[in-house]
N, C-alpha and C. Protein backbone atom coordinates (compact mmCIF):
# COMPACT_ATOMS: atom_id res chain seq x y z
N ASP A 1 11.80 -4.24 -5.01
CA ASP A 1 11.57 -2.97 -4.36
C ASP A 1 11.40 -1.85 -5.38
N ASP A 2 12.19 -1.85 -6.43
CA ASP A 2 12.09 -0.80 -7.44
C ASP A 2 10.75 -0.84 -8.16
N GLN A 3 10.25 -2.04 -8.44
CA GLN A 3 8.95 -2.17 -9.11
C GLN A 3 7.83 -1.62 -8.25
N ILE A 4 7.88 -1.88 -6.97
CA ILE A 4 6.86 -1.36 -6.06
C ILE A 4 6.95 0.16 -6.00
N LYS A 5 8.15 0.71 -5.90
CA LYS A 5 8.32 2.16 -5.84
C LYS A 5 7.80 2.85 -7.09
N GLN A 6 7.85 2.17 -8.22
CA GLN A 6 7.37 2.76 -9.47
C GLN A 6 5.86 2.93 -9.49
N ILE A 7 5.12 2.05 -8.80
CA ILE A 7 3.66 2.13 -8.84
C ILE A 7 3.06 2.94 -7.68
N ILE A 8 3.89 3.37 -6.73
CA ILE A 8 3.38 4.10 -5.56
C ILE A 8 2.58 5.34 -5.96
N PRO A 9 3.03 6.18 -6.89
CA PRO A 9 2.21 7.34 -7.25
C PRO A 9 0.82 6.95 -7.78
N SER A 10 0.75 5.88 -8.56
CA SER A 10 -0.54 5.42 -9.09
C SER A 10 -1.45 4.90 -7.98
N VAL A 11 -0.87 4.18 -7.05
CA VAL A 11 -1.63 3.66 -5.92
C VAL A 11 -2.17 4.81 -5.07
N ALA A 12 -1.31 5.78 -4.77
CA ALA A 12 -1.72 6.92 -3.97
C ALA A 12 -2.85 7.70 -4.66
N TYR A 13 -2.73 7.87 -5.96
CA TYR A 13 -3.76 8.58 -6.72
C TYR A 13 -5.08 7.83 -6.69
N ALA A 14 -5.04 6.51 -6.94
CA ALA A 14 -6.26 5.70 -6.95
C ALA A 14 -6.94 5.73 -5.58
N LEU A 15 -6.17 5.65 -4.52
CA LEU A 15 -6.74 5.70 -3.17
C LEU A 15 -7.34 7.08 -2.89
N ALA A 16 -6.66 8.14 -3.32
CA ALA A 16 -7.16 9.50 -3.09
C ALA A 16 -8.50 9.72 -3.78
N ARG A 17 -8.69 9.10 -4.92
CA ARG A 17 -9.96 9.24 -5.64
C ARG A 17 -11.14 8.67 -4.87
N VAL A 18 -10.89 7.72 -3.98
CA VAL A 18 -11.96 7.14 -3.16
C VAL A 18 -11.84 7.60 -1.71
N HIS A 19 -11.20 8.76 -1.54
CA HIS A 19 -11.08 9.41 -0.22
C HIS A 19 -10.33 8.55 0.80
N MET A 20 -9.26 7.94 0.34
CA MET A 20 -8.39 7.16 1.21
C MET A 20 -6.98 7.72 1.11
N HIS A 21 -6.13 7.34 2.03
CA HIS A 21 -4.77 7.85 2.07
C HIS A 21 -3.77 6.70 2.01
N PHE A 22 -2.72 6.90 1.26
CA PHE A 22 -1.62 5.95 1.17
C PHE A 22 -0.53 6.42 2.12
N VAL A 23 -0.11 5.54 3.02
CA VAL A 23 0.90 5.88 4.01
C VAL A 23 2.11 4.98 3.79
N GLU A 24 3.27 5.59 3.62
CA GLU A 24 4.53 4.86 3.42
C GLU A 24 5.40 5.08 4.65
N SER A 25 5.60 4.01 5.42
CA SER A 25 6.47 4.13 6.58
C SER A 25 7.78 3.41 6.29
N GLY A 26 8.64 3.33 7.25
CA GLY A 26 9.94 2.71 7.06
C GLY A 26 9.90 1.21 6.82
N PHE A 27 8.78 0.58 7.18
CA PHE A 27 8.73 -0.88 7.06
C PHE A 27 7.47 -1.42 6.41
N CYS A 28 6.47 -0.59 6.11
CA CYS A 28 5.28 -1.10 5.44
C CYS A 28 4.54 0.01 4.72
N TYR A 29 3.61 -0.40 3.84
CA TYR A 29 2.71 0.51 3.15
C TYR A 29 1.31 0.24 3.68
N THR A 30 0.57 1.30 3.95
CA THR A 30 -0.76 1.16 4.53
C THR A 30 -1.74 2.07 3.81
N ALA A 31 -2.96 1.57 3.62
CA ALA A 31 -4.05 2.40 3.11
C ALA A 31 -4.93 2.75 4.30
N ARG A 32 -5.24 4.03 4.44
CA ARG A 32 -6.09 4.48 5.55
C ARG A 32 -7.32 5.17 5.00
N GLY A 33 -8.41 4.89 5.65
CA GLY A 33 -9.66 5.52 5.25
C GLY A 33 -10.83 4.70 5.72
N GLY A 34 -12.01 5.07 5.25
CA GLY A 34 -13.22 4.38 5.67
C GLY A 34 -13.49 3.15 4.82
N PHE A 35 -12.92 2.04 5.17
CA PHE A 35 -13.17 0.81 4.45
C PHE A 35 -13.14 -0.37 5.41
N CYS A 36 -13.74 -1.45 5.00
CA CYS A 36 -13.75 -2.66 5.83
C CYS A 36 -13.61 -3.86 4.90
N PHE A 37 -12.58 -4.65 5.11
CA PHE A 37 -12.34 -5.84 4.31
C PHE A 37 -12.23 -7.05 5.21
N PRO A 38 -12.67 -8.20 4.74
CA PRO A 38 -12.45 -9.42 5.53
C PRO A 38 -10.96 -9.76 5.57
N GLU A 39 -10.56 -10.49 6.56
CA GLU A 39 -9.15 -10.84 6.76
C GLU A 39 -8.53 -11.48 5.52
N ASP A 40 -9.27 -12.32 4.79
CA ASP A 40 -8.70 -13.02 3.62
C ASP A 40 -8.53 -12.10 2.41
N ALA A 41 -9.02 -10.86 2.46
CA ALA A 41 -8.86 -9.92 1.36
C ALA A 41 -7.63 -9.04 1.51
N ILE A 42 -6.91 -9.16 2.61
CA ILE A 42 -5.73 -8.34 2.86
C ILE A 42 -4.54 -8.92 2.13
N GLN A 43 -3.82 -8.08 1.41
CA GLN A 43 -2.66 -8.50 0.64
C GLN A 43 -1.38 -8.15 1.38
N GLU A 44 -0.46 -9.08 1.44
CA GLU A 44 0.85 -8.81 2.03
C GLU A 44 1.91 -9.04 0.96
N PHE A 45 2.86 -8.11 0.89
CA PHE A 45 3.96 -8.20 -0.05
C PHE A 45 5.25 -8.17 0.74
N HIS A 46 6.14 -9.08 0.43
CA HIS A 46 7.42 -9.13 1.12
C HIS A 46 8.53 -9.00 0.07
N GLY A 47 9.36 -8.00 0.23
CA GLY A 47 10.48 -7.81 -0.68
C GLY A 47 11.63 -8.69 -0.30
N ASN A 48 12.61 -8.72 -1.16
CA ASN A 48 13.84 -9.48 -0.85
C ASN A 48 14.62 -8.73 0.20
N GLN A 49 14.90 -9.42 1.27
CA GLN A 49 15.69 -8.79 2.34
C GLN A 49 17.14 -9.19 2.19
N LYS A 50 18.00 -8.21 2.22
CA LYS A 50 19.43 -8.47 2.11
C LYS A 50 20.08 -8.23 3.46
N HIS A 51 20.84 -9.18 3.90
CA HIS A 51 21.53 -9.05 5.20
C HIS A 51 23.01 -8.92 5.02
């Protein structure tokens, strides 16, 4: 989780340069904007869940 949080500013900046938005919600990260990717190009990241 800490490694992902460290790169969030860079990701947000890179997306903003191509007129996209980085959205951080309580349970996922989403890129919003005018783009279209095939289903197999979508990346999912799962952190370690502690119960």
